Amino acid sequence: MFTWFKKRKIVVDCFTNNSAVKQYAPIQRYKNFYPEYWKSLPQKNTVETKNGVFIQERTLKVCSAFTELYKNAYAIPLWSDLKLTVNEKKEYAWQWSHNGVGENDDSIEQHREHQYGKAFTSYTPLKIRSPWLIREKQGVKFYWGEPTWNFTNLFADTLKILPGIITYNVGFTTHINLLVKTGIGEILIPYNTPMVTLVPLSEETVEFKNHYVDEKEWKKLYNINFYSPTFNSSHSTKSKCPFTGKIKTQ
């Protein structure tokens, strides 16, 4: 006798305390960001082989590795035009087109050099503080990566997003760690550029939900994320912290 189990739905709740961000730059499916060069491709092209025979050859338009990535990933788009300048001394400055979306939550930071040593000799590591917090209670892992297909014509090797594997049952921030080519001068990252691809590493059905929360609820979630009971606290130690609280999702 066969027993069929219905797949459970994994709900990923995304919180922002800025109503404009929720309306104009929601976290959404990556398939909403197919690059223009891909949209214009035919499914097949006629090509001549070395033997002088003409055949139909498939293009990137039907590449399953490409299309499955866009169908299954989610994206965090940039919520405003952003100009960055980085000089030869790794000194940097920035300006948002909308003066940002909050005094602290969208600033640009830089990790201290002792945290990464000499790993990035040709690049300047920066962190864009994101207006989004994410919470997922089951501990599902997500691959956090660069939207390379979208970046190719925009940035070449001038800007890179650092990848990783993350969970959102303990840590909630979505700050974007990137490398900018040292000495590049000025670079413009346009509004609504997908900055990150989030790929759920689960066979379950995953649904992302965006929520606007007031400042009180935002601070509650934010404080839980950054609570450090010890000097050497980590996500694993914080997960055992009794001060977990409850966050509204509606």
Protein backbone atom coordinates (compact mmCIF):
# COMPACT_ATOMS: atom_id res chain seq x y z
CA MET A 1 0.00 0.00 0.00
CA PHE A 2 1.33 3.41 -0.96
CA THR A 3 1.00 6.41 1.34
CA TRP A 4 1.21 9.79 -0.33
CA PHE A 5 2.43 12.72 1.65
CA LYS A 6 1.49 16.21 0.62
CA LYS A 7 4.46 18.56 0.52
CA ARG A 8 4.38 21.15 3.25
CA LYS A 9 4.62 24.83 2.37
CA ILE A 10 7.62 26.75 3.67
CA VAL A 11 6.63 30.36 4.38
CA VAL A 12 9.39 32.95 4.25
CA ASP A 13 8.31 36.23 5.84
CA CYS A 14 10.08 39.39 4.67
CA PHE A 15 9.74 42.53 6.80
CA THR A 16 10.42 46.18 6.08
CA ASN A 17 9.49 49.31 7.99
CA ASN A 18 9.47 51.39 4.81
CA SER A 19 6.20 51.33 2.86
CA ALA A 20 7.87 52.63 -0.32
CA VAL A 21 10.33 49.72 -0.34
CA LYS A 22 7.50 47.22 -0.01
CA GLN A 23 5.58 48.84 -2.87
CA TYR A 24 8.38 49.65 -5.30
CA ALA A 25 11.12 47.10 -4.54
CA PRO A 26 9.57 43.97 -3.02
CA ILE A 27 11.50 40.73 -2.67
CA GLN A 28 10.15 38.70 -5.57
CA ARG A 29 10.69 35.82 -7.93
CA TYR A 30 13.84 36.01 -10.00
CA LYS A 31 11.83 35.23 -13.15
CA ASN A 32 10.67 38.85 -13.05
CA PHE A 33 14.22 39.91 -13.94
CA TYR A 34 15.00 38.04 -17.16
CA PRO A 35 17.70 40.11 -18.93
CA GLU A 36 16.70 41.90 -22.12
CA TYR A 37 19.30 40.10 -24.24
CA TRP A 38 17.72 36.77 -23.27
CA LYS A 39 14.19 37.95 -24.06
CA SER A 40 15.21 38.81 -27.62
CA LEU A 41 16.84 35.45 -28.36
CA PRO A 42 15.09 32.93 -30.61
CA GLN A 43 14.81 29.37 -29.36
CA LYS A 44 16.87 28.13 -32.31
CA ASN A 45 19.31 29.55 -34.85
CA THR A 46 20.28 28.14 -38.22
CA VAL A 47 24.03 27.46 -38.30
CA GLU A 48 26.38 25.87 -40.80
CA THR A 49 28.48 22.94 -39.61
CA LYS A 50 32.12 22.39 -40.62
CA ASN A 51 30.80 19.94 -43.20
CA GLY A 52 28.71 22.60 -44.91
CA VAL A 53 25.38 21.32 -43.59
CA PHE A 54 22.83 23.74 -42.15
CA ILE A 55 21.18 22.66 -38.90
CA GLN A 56 18.95 24.16 -36.23
CA GLU A 57 20.87 24.76 -33.01
CA ARG A 58 19.25 25.63 -29.71
CA THR A 59 20.15 28.84 -27.89
CA LEU A 60 20.36 30.08 -24.31
CA LYS A 61 16.62 30.74 -24.59
CA VAL A 62 15.89 27.08 -23.82
CA CYS A 63 18.87 26.28 -21.58
CA SER A 64 17.34 24.45 -18.62
CA ALA A 65 20.11 25.46 -16.22
CA PHE A 66 19.33 29.12 -16.99
CA THR A 67 15.54 28.89 -16.95
CA GLU A 68 15.37 26.69 -13.84
CA LEU A 69 17.47 29.21 -11.93
CA TYR A 70 15.08 32.03 -12.81
CA LYS A 71 12.02 29.90 -12.04
CA ASN A 72 13.20 28.70 -8.63
CA ALA A 73 15.16 31.63 -7.20
CA TYR A 74 14.00 34.80 -5.50
CA ALA A 75 15.67 38.19 -5.85
CA ILE A 76 16.31 41.20 -3.66
CA PRO A 77 16.22 44.23 -5.99
CA LEU A 78 17.98 47.51 -5.24
CA TRP A 79 15.46 49.96 -3.78
CA SER A 80 17.04 53.15 -5.20
CA ASP A 81 19.70 54.28 -7.66
CA LEU A 82 23.05 54.06 -5.92
CA LYS A 83 26.27 55.82 -6.91
CA LEU A 84 29.49 54.44 -5.43
CA THR A 85 32.99 55.85 -5.76
CA VAL A 86 36.09 53.87 -4.81
CA ASN A 87 39.60 55.26 -5.26
CA GLU A 88 43.02 53.60 -5.40
CA LYS A 89 43.36 53.87 -1.62
CA LYS A 90 40.11 51.91 -1.10
CA GLU A 91 38.41 55.05 0.17
CA TYR A 92 34.73 55.11 -0.74
CA ALA A 93 31.68 57.34 -0.82
CA TRP A 94 28.06 56.89 -1.88
CA GLN A 95 24.82 58.65 -2.74
CA TRP A 96 21.29 57.31 -3.04
CA SER A 97 18.83 58.86 -5.51
CA HIS A 98 16.15 59.06 -2.83
CA ASN A 99 18.56 60.05 -0.05
CA GLY A 100 18.24 56.47 1.05
CA VAL A 101 15.34 54.87 2.85
CA GLY A 102 16.31 55.48 6.44
CA GLU A 103 19.03 57.15 8.46
CA ASN A 104 20.82 53.92 9.40
CA ASP A 105 19.28 51.04 7.50
CA ASP A 106 20.68 51.80 4.06
CA SER A 107 24.17 53.07 4.78
CA ILE A 108 27.28 51.57 3.25
CA GLU A 109 29.72 49.91 5.63
CA GLN A 110 33.14 48.33 5.39
CA HIS A 111 34.41 45.41 7.40
CA ARG A 112 37.66 46.05 9.20
CA GLU A 113 40.68 44.66 7.37
CA HIS A 114 41.60 42.22 10.12
CA GLN A 115 38.37 40.33 9.34
CA TYR A 116 39.45 39.38 5.82
CA GLY A 117 43.21 39.95 5.78
CA LYS A 118 44.73 40.16 2.30
CA ALA A 119 41.96 38.21 0.60
CA PHE A 120 40.85 41.02 -1.71
CA THR A 121 43.94 42.70 -3.10
CA SER A 122 42.26 44.15 -6.20
CA TYR A 123 38.85 44.84 -4.72
CA THR A 124 37.31 46.91 -1.94
CA PRO A 125 34.84 44.96 0.22
CA LEU A 126 31.68 46.90 1.10
CA LYS A 127 28.35 46.09 2.69
CA ILE A 128 25.03 47.63 1.66
CA ARG A 129 22.72 47.67 4.66
CA SER A 130 19.36 46.35 3.50
CA PRO A 131 15.90 47.59 4.55
CA TRP A 132 14.67 43.96 4.66
CA LEU A 133 14.65 41.42 7.47
CA ILE A 134 13.69 37.82 6.71
CA ARG A 135 12.37 35.16 9.05
CA GLU A 136 11.79 31.47 8.25
CA LYS A 137 11.06 29.22 11.24
CA GLN A 138 12.06 25.78 9.91
CA GLY A 139 15.75 26.50 9.34
CA VAL A 140 15.65 25.89 5.59
CA LYS A 141 18.98 26.62 3.91
CA PHE A 142 19.21 29.12 1.06
CA TYR A 143 21.98 29.67 -1.44
CA TRP A 144 22.74 33.40 -1.49
CA GLY A 145 24.45 34.27 -4.74
CA GLU A 146 25.16 36.79 -7.44
CA PRO A 147 22.69 37.37 -10.30
CA THR A 148 25.55 36.88 -12.76
CA TRP A 149 23.40 36.73 -15.90
CA ASN A 150 22.06 40.21 -15.06
CA PHE A 151 25.42 41.63 -14.04
CA THR A 152 27.38 40.60 -17.14
CA ASN A 153 26.63 43.62 -19.33
CA LEU A 154 26.25 46.06 -16.44
CA PHE A 155 29.36 45.52 -14.36
CA ALA A 156 31.70 42.95 -15.97
CA ASP A 157 34.43 42.49 -13.35
CA THR A 158 33.88 45.82 -11.57
CA LEU A 159 31.36 44.55 -9.04
CA LYS A 160 30.85 41.12 -7.45
CA ILE A 161 28.36 39.81 -4.89
CA LEU A 162 29.83 37.43 -2.32
CA PRO A 163 27.96 34.08 -2.11
CA GLY A 164 27.11 31.87 0.84
CA ILE A 165 24.66 29.43 2.44
CA ILE A 166 22.29 31.03 4.96
CA THR A 167 19.29 30.30 7.17
CA TYR A 168 16.70 32.70 8.54
CA ASN A 169 15.49 30.96 11.68
CA VAL A 170 18.08 32.79 13.82
CA GLY A 171 19.74 35.56 11.79
CA PHE A 172 17.33 37.84 9.92
CA THR A 173 19.40 40.50 8.14
CA THR A 174 19.84 40.68 4.37
CA HIS A 175 22.80 43.04 4.14
CA ILE A 176 24.58 42.72 0.78
CA ASN A 177 28.31 42.04 0.87
CA LEU A 178 29.99 43.04 -2.37
CA LEU A 179 33.40 43.65 -3.88
CA VAL A 180 34.02 46.80 -5.92
CA LYS A 181 37.06 47.09 -8.14
CA THR A 182 39.58 49.28 -6.34
CA GLY A 183 40.24 52.52 -8.22
CA ILE A 184 37.14 52.14 -10.41
CA GLY A 185 36.11 55.71 -9.68
CA GLU A 186 32.33 56.08 -9.96
CA ILE A 187 29.90 53.24 -10.55
CA LEU A 188 26.11 53.48 -10.82
CA ILE A 189 23.88 50.62 -9.69
CA PRO A 190 20.39 51.34 -11.09
CA TYR A 191 17.17 51.08 -9.12
CA ASN A 192 15.48 47.66 -9.38
CA THR A 193 18.69 45.87 -10.29
CA PRO A 194 18.49 42.36 -8.80
CA MET A 195 21.33 42.37 -6.26
CA VAL A 196 21.00 38.88 -4.80
CA THR A 197 19.52 35.55 -5.82
CA LEU A 198 18.08 33.41 -3.03
CA VAL A 199 17.70 29.75 -3.98
CA PRO A 200 15.81 27.55 -1.46
CA LEU A 201 17.73 24.32 -0.86
CA SER A 202 14.55 22.37 -0.25
CA GLU A 203 12.15 20.24 -2.27
CA GLU A 204 9.23 21.69 -0.33
CA THR A 205 7.02 24.43 -1.76
CA VAL A 206 8.47 27.79 -0.74
CA GLU A 207 6.46 31.00 -0.62
CA PHE A 208 7.88 34.44 0.11
CA LYS A 209 5.57 37.01 1.73
CA ASN A 210 6.40 40.70 2.06
CA HIS A 211 5.16 42.64 5.09
CA TYR A 212 5.21 46.26 6.12
CA VAL A 213 5.58 46.59 9.89
CA ASP A 214 5.62 49.63 12.13
CA GLU A 215 8.71 50.80 13.97
CA LYS A 216 7.80 48.92 17.15
CA GLU A 217 7.54 45.55 15.41
CA TRP A 218 10.65 46.28 13.34
CA LYS A 219 12.75 47.02 16.41
CA LYS A 220 11.48 43.89 18.11
CA LEU A 221 12.68 41.70 15.27
CA TYR A 222 15.87 43.70 14.78
CA ASN A 223 16.82 43.45 18.45
CA ILE A 224 16.27 39.69 18.51
CA ASN A 225 18.61 39.35 15.54
CA PHE A 226 21.45 41.27 17.18
CA TYR A 227 21.08 40.05 20.76
CA SER A 228 24.53 38.86 21.93
CA PRO A 229 24.51 37.23 25.37
CA THR A 230 28.28 36.60 25.29
CA PHE A 231 31.37 38.12 23.63
CA ASN A 232 31.72 35.02 21.46
CA SER A 233 28.04 34.56 20.68
CA SER A 234 27.10 33.18 17.28
CA HIS A 235 23.93 32.17 15.51
CA SER A 236 24.13 28.78 17.20
CA THR A 237 24.37 30.25 20.69
CA LYS A 238 21.70 32.84 20.02
CA SER A 239 19.30 30.13 18.87
CA LYS A 240 19.28 28.86 22.46
CA CYS A 241 18.51 32.27 23.86
CA PRO A 242 15.17 32.28 25.77
CA PHE A 243 14.42 35.87 24.73
CA THR A 244 12.91 34.93 21.38
CA GLY A 245 9.63 36.83 21.36
CA LYS A 246 6.98 36.61 18.64
CA ILE A 247 6.79 38.66 15.47
CA LYS A 248 3.54 39.51 13.73
CA THR A 249 3.35 38.45 10.09
CA GLN A 250 0.23 40.36 9.07
